[in-house]
């Protein structure tokens, strides 16, 4: 059986933490930033974790078991 390939877009967007959780970046922080408040932009800067509902699909994109 051949190995499963990792999705190229996913490996650029997600990262694994030391404990095995998957980090992600927030959306809406790339353009049209003038109308967004400083607080909103600051909170979008930080990373978050992938929710449990989406964990299985992200793991399959990253070719994890």
PDB file of N, CA and C in Angstrom:
ATOM      1  N   UNK A   1       0.839  -1.186   0.000  1.00  0.00           N
ATOM      2  CA  UNK A   1       0.000   0.000   0.000  1.00  0.00           C
ATOM      3  C   UNK A   1       0.886   1.252   0.000  1.00  0.00           C
ATOM      4  N   UNK A   2       0.665   2.199  -0.910  1.00  0.00           N
ATOM      5  CA  UNK A   2       1.506   3.395  -0.947  1.00  0.00           C
ATOM      6  C   UNK A   2       1.215   4.336   0.229  1.00  0.00           C
ATOM      7  N   UNK A   3       2.179   5.179   0.509  1.00  0.00           N
ATOM      8  CA  UNK A   3       2.011   6.137   1.589  1.00  0.00           C
ATOM      9  C   UNK A   3       1.061   7.247   1.162  1.00  0.00           C
ATOM     10  N   UNK A   4       0.355   7.811   2.139  1.00  0.00           N
ATOM     11  CA  UNK A   4      -0.552   8.916   1.856  1.00  0.00           C
ATOM     12  C   UNK A   4       0.237  10.215   1.807  1.00  0.00           C
ATOM     13  N   UNK A   5      -0.046  11.050   0.813  1.00  0.00           N
ATOM     14  CA  UNK A   5       0.662  12.316   0.680  1.00  0.00           C
ATOM     15  C   UNK A   5       0.034  13.372   1.591  1.00  0.00           C
ATOM     16  N   UNK A   6       0.883  14.244   2.118  1.00  0.00           N
ATOM     17  CA  UNK A   6       0.428  15.375   2.906  1.00  0.00           C
ATOM     18  C   UNK A   6      -0.075  16.459   1.971  1.00  0.00           C
ATOM     19  N   UNK A   7      -1.182  17.101   2.318  1.00  0.00           N
ATOM     20  CA  UNK A   7      -1.708  18.207   1.536  1.00  0.00           C
ATOM     21  C   UNK A   7      -0.764  19.400   1.665  1.00  0.00           C
ATOM     22  N   UNK A   8      -0.297  19.936   0.533  1.00  0.00           N
ATOM     23  CA  UNK A   8       0.719  20.987   0.540  1.00  0.00           C
ATOM     24  C   UNK A   8       0.226  22.270   1.199  1.00  0.00           C
ATOM     25  N   UNK A   9      -1.025  22.625   0.964  1.00  0.00           N
ATOM     26  CA  UNK A   9      -1.567  23.827   1.587  1.00  0.00           C
ATOM     27  C   UNK A   9      -1.703  23.683   3.084  1.00  0.00           C
ATOM     28  N   UNK A  10      -2.025  22.476   3.540  1.00  0.00           N
ATOM     29  CA  UNK A  10      -2.220  22.245   4.970  1.00  0.00           C
ATOM     30  C   UNK A  10      -0.912  22.287   5.742  1.00  0.00           C
ATOM     31  N   UNK A  11       0.148  21.782   5.159  1.00  0.00           N
ATOM     32  CA  UNK A  11       1.414  21.774   5.898  1.00  0.00           C
ATOM     33  C   UNK A  11       1.978  23.180   6.074  1.00  0.00           C
ATOM     34  N   UNK A  12       1.532  24.132   5.229  1.00  0.00           N
ATOM     35  CA  UNK A  12       1.935  25.527   5.396  1.00  0.00           C
ATOM     36  C   UNK A  12       1.083  26.237   6.444  1.00  0.00           C
ATOM     37  N   UNK A  13      -0.137  25.757   6.673  1.00  0.00           N
ATOM     38  CA  UNK A  13      -1.083  26.462   7.532  1.00  0.00           C
ATOM     39  C   UNK A  13      -1.187  25.921   8.952  1.00  0.00           C
ATOM     40  N   UNK A  14      -0.821  24.666   9.166  1.00  0.00           N
ATOM     41  CA  UNK A  14      -0.955  24.056  10.483  1.00  0.00           C
ATOM     42  C   UNK A  14       0.403  23.610  11.003  1.00  0.00           C
ATOM     43  N   UNK A  15       0.525  23.621  12.334  1.00  0.00           N
ATOM     44  CA  UNK A  15       1.767  23.168  12.974  1.00  0.00           C
ATOM     45  C   UNK A  15       1.406  22.322  14.186  1.00  0.00           C
ATOM     46  N   UNK A  16       2.265  21.378  14.495  1.00  0.00           N
ATOM     47  CA  UNK A  16       2.050  20.484  15.622  1.00  0.00           C
ATOM     48  C   UNK A  16       2.713  21.057  16.871  1.00  0.00           C
ATOM     49  N   UNK A  17       2.020  20.997  18.006  1.00  0.00           N
ATOM     50  CA  UNK A  17       2.618  21.420  19.267  1.00  0.00           C
ATOM     51  C   UNK A  17       3.364  20.246  19.890  1.00  0.00           C
ATOM     52  N   UNK A  18       4.048  20.506  20.974  1.00  0.00           N
ATOM     53  CA  UNK A  18       4.794  19.453  21.651  1.00  0.00           C
ATOM     54  C   UNK A  18       3.917  18.380  22.240  1.00  0.00           C
ATOM     55  N   UNK A  19       2.706  18.747  22.626  1.00  0.00           N
ATOM     56  CA  UNK A  19       1.787  17.783  23.233  1.00  0.00           C
ATOM     57  C   UNK A  19       0.926  17.062  22.207  1.00  0.00           C
ATOM     58  N   UNK A  20       1.101  17.370  20.911  1.00  0.00           N
ATOM     59  CA  UNK A  20       0.371  16.678  19.862  1.00  0.00           C
ATOM     60  C   UNK A  20      -0.867  17.388  19.368  1.00  0.00           C
ATOM     61  N   UNK A  21      -1.136  18.588  19.892  1.00  0.00           N
ATOM     62  CA  UNK A  21      -2.269  19.367  19.394  1.00  0.00           C
ATOM     63  C   UNK A  21      -1.859  20.084  18.109  1.00  0.00           C
ATOM     64  N   UNK A  22      -2.839  20.582  17.375  1.00  0.00           N
ATOM     65  CA  UNK A  22      -2.556  21.238  16.096  1.00  0.00           C
ATOM     66  C   UNK A  22      -2.851  22.726  16.217  1.00  0.00           C
ATOM     67  N   UNK A  23      -1.823  23.548  15.943  1.00  0.00           N
ATOM     68  CA  UNK A  23      -1.973  25.001  15.980  1.00  0.00           C
ATOM     69  C   UNK A  23      -2.480  25.502  14.646  1.00  0.00           C
ATOM     70  N   UNK A  24      -3.184  26.635  14.675  1.00  0.00           N
ATOM     71  CA  UNK A  24      -3.669  27.270  13.456  1.00  0.00           C
ATOM     72  C   UNK A  24      -3.577  28.776  13.619  1.00  0.00           C
ATOM     73  N   UNK A  25      -3.664  29.477  12.502  1.00  0.00           N
ATOM     74  CA  UNK A  25      -3.680  30.936  12.529  1.00  0.00           C
ATOM     75  C   UNK A  25      -5.116  31.410  12.347  1.00  0.00           C
ATOM     76  N   UNK A  26      -5.376  32.654  12.758  1.00  0.00           N
ATOM     77  CA  UNK A  26      -6.695  33.242  12.580  1.00  0.00           C
ATOM     78  C   UNK A  26      -6.834  33.816  11.176  1.00  0.00           C
ATOM     79  N   UNK A  27      -8.040  33.799  10.670  1.00  0.00           N
ATOM     80  CA  UNK A  27      -8.342  34.417   9.382  1.00  0.00           C
ATOM     81  C   UNK A  27      -8.615  35.907   9.578  1.00  0.00           C
ATOM     82  N   UNK A  28      -8.822  36.629   8.488  1.00  0.00           N
ATOM     83  CA  UNK A  28      -9.196  38.047   8.478  1.00  0.00           C
ATOM     84  C   UNK A  28      -8.101  38.972   9.016  1.00  0.00           C
ATOM     85  N   UNK A  29      -6.849  38.591   8.861  1.00  0.00           N
ATOM     86  CA  UNK A  29      -5.768  39.459   9.334  1.00  0.00           C
ATOM     87  C   UNK A  29      -4.779  39.786   8.219  1.00  0.00           C
ATOM     88  N   UNK A  30      -5.219  39.693   6.964  1.00  0.00           N
ATOM     89  CA  UNK A  30      -4.275  39.911   5.866  1.00  0.00           C
ATOM     90  C   UNK A  30      -4.491  41.225   5.144  1.00  0.00           C
ATOM     91  N   UNK A  31      -5.724  41.698   5.037  1.00  0.00           N
ATOM     92  CA  UNK A  31      -5.974  42.961   4.337  1.00  0.00           C
ATOM     93  C   UNK A  31      -7.250  43.600   4.864  1.00  0.00           C
ATOM     94  N   UNK A  32      -7.528  44.818   4.415  1.00  0.00           N
ATOM     95  CA  UNK A  32      -8.638  45.652   4.895  1.00  0.00           C
ATOM     96  C   UNK A  32      -8.555  45.778   6.425  1.00  0.00           C
ATOM     97  N   UNK A  33      -7.409  46.245   6.896  1.00  0.00           N
ATOM     98  CA  UNK A  33      -7.180  46.327   8.332  1.00  0.00           C
ATOM     99  C   UNK A  33      -7.547  47.694   8.907  1.00  0.00           C
ATOM    100  N   UNK A  34      -7.848  48.678   8.040  1.00  0.00           N
ATOM    101  CA  UNK A  34      -8.105  50.030   8.530  1.00  0.00           C
ATOM    102  C   UNK A  34      -9.403  50.122   9.319  1.00  0.00           C
ATOM    103  N   UNK A  35     -10.405  49.363   8.924  1.00  0.00           N
ATOM    104  CA  UNK A  35     -11.694  49.437   9.619  1.00  0.00           C
ATOM    105  C   UNK A  35     -11.770  48.539  10.841  1.00  0.00           C
ATOM    106  N   UNK A  36     -10.757  47.729  11.079  1.00  0.00           N
ATOM    107  CA  UNK A  36     -10.755  46.838  12.233  1.00  0.00           C
ATOM    108  C   UNK A  36     -10.074  47.523  13.415  1.00  0.00           C
ATOM    109  N   UNK A  37     -10.592  47.274  14.598  1.00  0.00           N
ATOM    110  CA  UNK A  37     -10.047  47.913  15.783  1.00  0.00           C
ATOM    111  C   UNK A  37      -8.692  47.307  16.153  1.00  0.00           C
ATOM    112  N   UNK A  38      -7.938  48.051  16.965  1.00  0.00           N
ATOM    113  CA  UNK A  38      -6.617  47.565  17.399  1.00  0.00           C
ATOM    114  C   UNK A  38      -6.748  46.268  18.184  1.00  0.00           C
ATOM    115  N   UNK A  39      -7.768  46.204  19.025  1.00  0.00           N
ATOM    116  CA  UNK A  39      -7.988  45.006  19.840  1.00  0.00           C
ATOM    117  C   UNK A  39      -8.270  43.793  18.970  1.00  0.00           C
ATOM    118  N   UNK A  40      -9.098  43.991  17.947  1.00  0.00           N
ATOM    119  CA  UNK A  40      -9.458  42.883  17.054  1.00  0.00           C
ATOM    120  C   UNK A  40      -8.242  42.388  16.279  1.00  0.00           C
ATOM    121  N   UNK A  41      -7.425  43.325  15.773  1.00  0.00           N
ATOM    122  CA  UNK A  41      -6.222  42.950  15.028  1.00  0.00           C
ATOM    123  C   UNK A  41      -5.212  42.253  15.930  1.00  0.00           C
ATOM    124  N   UNK A  42      -5.103  42.731  17.167  1.00  0.00           N
ATOM    125  CA  UNK A  42      -4.173  42.124  18.127  1.00  0.00           C
ATOM    126  C   UNK A  42      -4.589  40.698  18.461  1.00  0.00           C
ATOM    127  N   UNK A  43      -5.883  40.483  18.627  1.00  0.00           N
ATOM    128  CA  UNK A  43      -6.364  39.139  18.939  1.00  0.00           C
ATOM    129  C   UNK A  43      -6.260  38.197  17.744  1.00  0.00           C
ATOM    130  N   UNK A  44      -6.360  38.727  16.533  1.00  0.00           N
ATOM    131  CA  UNK A  44      -6.205  37.893  15.341  1.00  0.00           C
ATOM    132  C   UNK A  44      -4.751  37.483  15.125  1.00  0.00           C
ATOM    133  N   UNK A  45      -3.827  38.232  15.724  1.00  0.00           N
ATOM    134  CA  UNK A  45      -2.396  37.943  15.577  1.00  0.00           C
ATOM    135  C   UNK A  45      -2.020  36.605  16.235  1.00  0.00           C
ATOM    136  N   UNK A  46      -2.647  36.308  17.372  1.00  0.00           N
ATOM    137  CA  UNK A  46      -2.265  35.127  18.136  1.00  0.00           C
ATOM    138  C   UNK A  46      -2.740  33.853  17.449  1.00  0.00           C
ATOM    139  N   UNK A  47      -2.106  32.759  17.784  1.00  0.00           N
ATOM    140  CA  UNK A  47      -2.485  31.468  17.211  1.00  0.00           C
ATOM    141  C   UNK A  47      -3.553  30.812  18.082  1.00  0.00           C
ATOM    142  N   UNK A  48      -4.284  29.895  17.484  1.00  0.00           N
ATOM    143  CA  UNK A  48      -5.292  29.141  18.207  1.00  0.00           C
ATOM    144  C   UNK A  48      -5.091  27.655  17.972  1.00  0.00           C
ATOM    145  N   UNK A  49      -5.945  26.857  18.542  1.00  0.00           N
ATOM    146  CA  UNK A  49      -5.894  25.413  18.356  1.00  0.00           C
ATOM    147  C   UNK A  49      -7.079  24.979  17.502  1.00  0.00           C
ATOM    148  N   UNK A  50      -6.893  23.911  16.758  1.00  0.00           N
ATOM    149  CA  UNK A  50      -7.958  23.372  15.922  1.00  0.00           C
ATOM    150  C   UNK A  50      -9.007  22.739  16.833  1.00  0.00           C
ATOM    151  N   UNK A  51     -10.264  23.046  16.576  1.00  0.00           N
ATOM    152  CA  UNK A  51     -11.359  22.516  17.382  1.00  0.00           C
ATOM    153  C   UNK A  51     -11.501  21.001  17.171  1.00  0.00           C
ATOM    154  N   UNK A  52     -12.100  20.345  18.141  1.00  0.00           N
ATOM    155  CA  UNK A  52     -12.237  18.884  18.086  1.00  0.00           C
ATOM    156  C   UNK A  52     -13.131  18.440  16.930  1.00  0.00           C
ATOM    157  N   UNK A  53     -14.082  19.300  16.513  1.00  0.00           N
ATOM    158  CA  UNK A  53     -14.974  18.956  15.410  1.00  0.00           C
ATOM    159  C   UNK A  53     -14.219  18.869  14.085  1.00  0.00           C
ATOM    160  N   UNK A  54     -13.158  19.660  13.934  1.00  0.00           N
ATOM    161  CA  UNK A  54     -12.387  19.691  12.690  1.00  0.00           C
ATOM    162  C   UNK A  54     -11.093  18.899  12.774  1.00  0.00           C
ATOM    163  N   UNK A  55     -10.810  18.318  13.917  1.00  0.00           N
ATOM    164  CA  UNK A  55      -9.517  17.658  14.136  1.00  0.00           C
ATOM    165  C   UNK A  55      -9.296  16.477  13.203  1.00  0.00           C
ATOM    166  N   UNK A  56     -10.309  15.674  12.975  1.00  0.00           N
ATOM    167  CA  UNK A  56     -10.153  14.480  12.138  1.00  0.00           C
ATOM    168  C   UNK A  56      -9.847  14.853  10.696  1.00  0.00           C
ATOM    169  N   UNK A  57     -10.519  15.873  10.169  1.00  0.00           N
ATOM    170  CA  UNK A  57     -10.283  16.269   8.779  1.00  0.00           C
ATOM    171  C   UNK A  57      -8.906  16.891   8.603  1.00  0.00           C
ATOM    172  N   UNK A  58      -8.453  17.668   9.582  1.00  0.00           N
ATOM    173  CA  UNK A  58      -7.118  18.276   9.497  1.00  0.00           C
ATOM    174  C   UNK A  58      -6.045  17.207   9.604  1.00  0.00           C
ATOM    175  N   UNK A  59      -6.259  16.227  10.468  1.00  0.00           N
ATOM    176  CA  UNK A  59      -5.279  15.142  10.598  1.00  0.00           C
ATOM    177  C   UNK A  59      -5.173  14.329   9.324  1.00  0.00           C
ATOM    178  N   UNK A  60      -6.280  14.136   8.626  1.00  0.00           N
ATOM    179  CA  UNK A  60      -6.221  13.393   7.365  1.00  0.00           C
ATOM    180  C   UNK A  60      -5.504  14.196   6.291  1.00  0.00           C
ATOM    181  N   UNK A  61      -5.659  15.537   6.301  1.00  0.00           N
ATOM    182  CA  UNK A  61      -4.934  16.378   5.352  1.00  0.00           C
ATOM    183  C   UNK A  61      -3.435  16.345   5.632  1.00  0.00           C
ATOM    184  N   UNK A  62      -3.068  16.241   6.904  1.00  0.00           N
ATOM    185  CA  UNK A  62      -1.660  16.201   7.285  1.00  0.00           C
ATOM    186  C   UNK A  62      -1.103  14.773   7.262  1.00  0.00           C
ATOM    187  N   UNK A  63      -1.900  13.824   6.807  1.00  0.00           N
ATOM    188  CA  UNK A  63      -1.518  12.405   6.706  1.00  0.00           C
ATOM    189  C   UNK A  63      -1.073  11.837   8.049  1.00  0.00           C
ATOM    190  N   UNK A  64      -1.803  12.214   9.103  1.00  0.00           N
ATOM    191  CA  UNK A  64      -1.553  11.667  10.430  1.00  0.00           C
ATOM    192  C   UNK A  64      -2.557  10.573  10.708  1.00  0.00           C
ATOM    193  N   UNK A  65      -2.226   9.677  11.638  1.00  0.00           N
ATOM    194  CA  UNK A  65      -3.141   8.588  11.981  1.00  0.00           C
ATOM    195  C   UNK A  65      -4.102   8.997  13.060  1.00  0.00           C
TER     196      UNK A  65
END
